[in-house]
Amino acid sequence: MAQALYIGEAVKLVLTVLLFAVALVLFDLEFLPLILTYAATLAAYWLALL
């Protein structure tokens, strides 16, 4: 059971990194604003869960 959880998290992390790389290459985006926006969105989601 726990092994499936770890595999799922690893897949999610790899997909996130790959999709960020694709977005940076295809859409010619700036790295820092993209990461800061992602972090702000994640923080808002975590706060909403409280």
C-alpha atoms as a PDB file:
ATOM      1  CA  MET A   1       0.000   0.000   0.000  1.00  0.00           C
ATOM      2  CA  ALA A   2       2.712   2.474   0.965  1.00  0.00           C
ATOM      3  CA  GLN A   3       4.793   1.478  -2.061  1.00  0.00           C
ATOM      4  CA  ALA A   4       1.982   2.527  -4.412  1.00  0.00           C
ATOM      5  CA  LEU A   5       1.816   5.885  -2.640  1.00  0.00           C
ATOM      6  CA  TYR A   6       5.550   6.465  -3.120  1.00  0.00           C
ATOM      7  CA  ILE A   7       5.382   5.439  -6.767  1.00  0.00           C
ATOM      8  CA  GLY A   8       2.462   7.788  -7.347  1.00  0.00           C
ATOM      9  CA  GLU A   9       4.322  10.681  -5.735  1.00  0.00           C
ATOM     10  CA  ALA A  10       7.443   9.961  -7.772  1.00  0.00           C
ATOM     11  CA  VAL A  11       5.433   9.906 -10.998  1.00  0.00           C
ATOM     12  CA  LYS A  12       3.752  13.167 -10.046  1.00  0.00           C
ATOM     13  CA  LEU A  13       7.112  14.810  -9.353  1.00  0.00           C
ATOM     14  CA  VAL A  14       8.634  13.596 -12.630  1.00  0.00           C
ATOM     15  CA  LEU A  15       5.602  14.750 -14.619  1.00  0.00           C
ATOM     16  CA  THR A  16       5.696  18.154 -12.953  1.00  0.00           C
ATOM     17  CA  VAL A  17       9.357  18.653 -13.831  1.00  0.00           C
ATOM     18  CA  LEU A  18       8.830  17.449 -17.398  1.00  0.00           C
ATOM     19  CA  LEU A  19       5.816  19.689 -17.962  1.00  0.00           C
ATOM     20  CA  PHE A  20       7.657  22.709 -16.568  1.00  0.00           C
ATOM     21  CA  ALA A  21      10.522  21.990 -18.971  1.00  0.00           C
ATOM     22  CA  VAL A  22       8.113  21.665 -21.897  1.00  0.00           C
ATOM     23  CA  ALA A  23       6.363  24.902 -20.968  1.00  0.00           C
ATOM     24  CA  LEU A  24       9.661  26.766 -20.695  1.00  0.00           C
ATOM     25  CA  VAL A  25      10.859  25.527 -24.078  1.00  0.00           C
ATOM     26  CA  LEU A  26       7.652  25.710 -26.103  1.00  0.00           C
ATOM     27  CA  PHE A  27       6.236  28.959 -24.770  1.00  0.00           C
ATOM     28  CA  ASP A  28       9.510  30.826 -24.188  1.00  0.00           C
ATOM     29  CA  LEU A  29       8.581  31.713 -20.607  1.00  0.00           C
ATOM     30  CA  GLU A  30      10.694  33.244 -17.865  1.00  0.00           C
ATOM     31  CA  PHE A  31      11.673  30.708 -15.206  1.00  0.00           C
ATOM     32  CA  LEU A  32      11.359  32.774 -12.016  1.00  0.00           C
ATOM     33  CA  PRO A  33       7.808  34.138 -12.555  1.00  0.00           C
ATOM     34  CA  LEU A  34       6.636  30.672 -13.575  1.00  0.00           C
ATOM     35  CA  ILE A  35       8.031  29.020 -10.440  1.00  0.00           C
ATOM     36  CA  LEU A  36       6.809  31.820  -8.152  1.00  0.00           C
ATOM     37  CA  THR A  37       3.305  31.586  -9.585  1.00  0.00           C
ATOM     38  CA  TYR A  38       3.337  27.820  -9.133  1.00  0.00           C
ATOM     39  CA  ALA A  39       4.493  28.195  -5.524  1.00  0.00           C
ATOM     40  CA  ALA A  40       1.811  30.805  -4.796  1.00  0.00           C
ATOM     41  CA  THR A  41      -0.865  28.560  -6.283  1.00  0.00           C
ATOM     42  CA  LEU A  42       0.324  25.604  -4.233  1.00  0.00           C
ATOM     43  CA  ALA A  43       0.378  27.722  -1.050  1.00  0.00           C
ATOM     44  CA  ALA A  44      -3.185  28.954  -1.703  1.00  0.00           C
ATOM     45  CA  TYR A  45      -4.336  25.365  -2.236  1.00  0.00           C
ATOM     46  CA  TRP A  46      -2.712  24.228   1.021  1.00  0.00           C
ATOM     47  CA  LEU A  47      -4.277  27.129   2.933  1.00  0.00           C
ATOM     48  CA  ALA A  48      -7.686  26.294   1.492  1.00  0.00           C
ATOM     49  CA  LEU A  49      -7.372  22.773   2.863  1.00  0.00           C
ATOM     50  CA  LEU A  50      -7.083  24.063   6.450  1.00  0.00           C
END
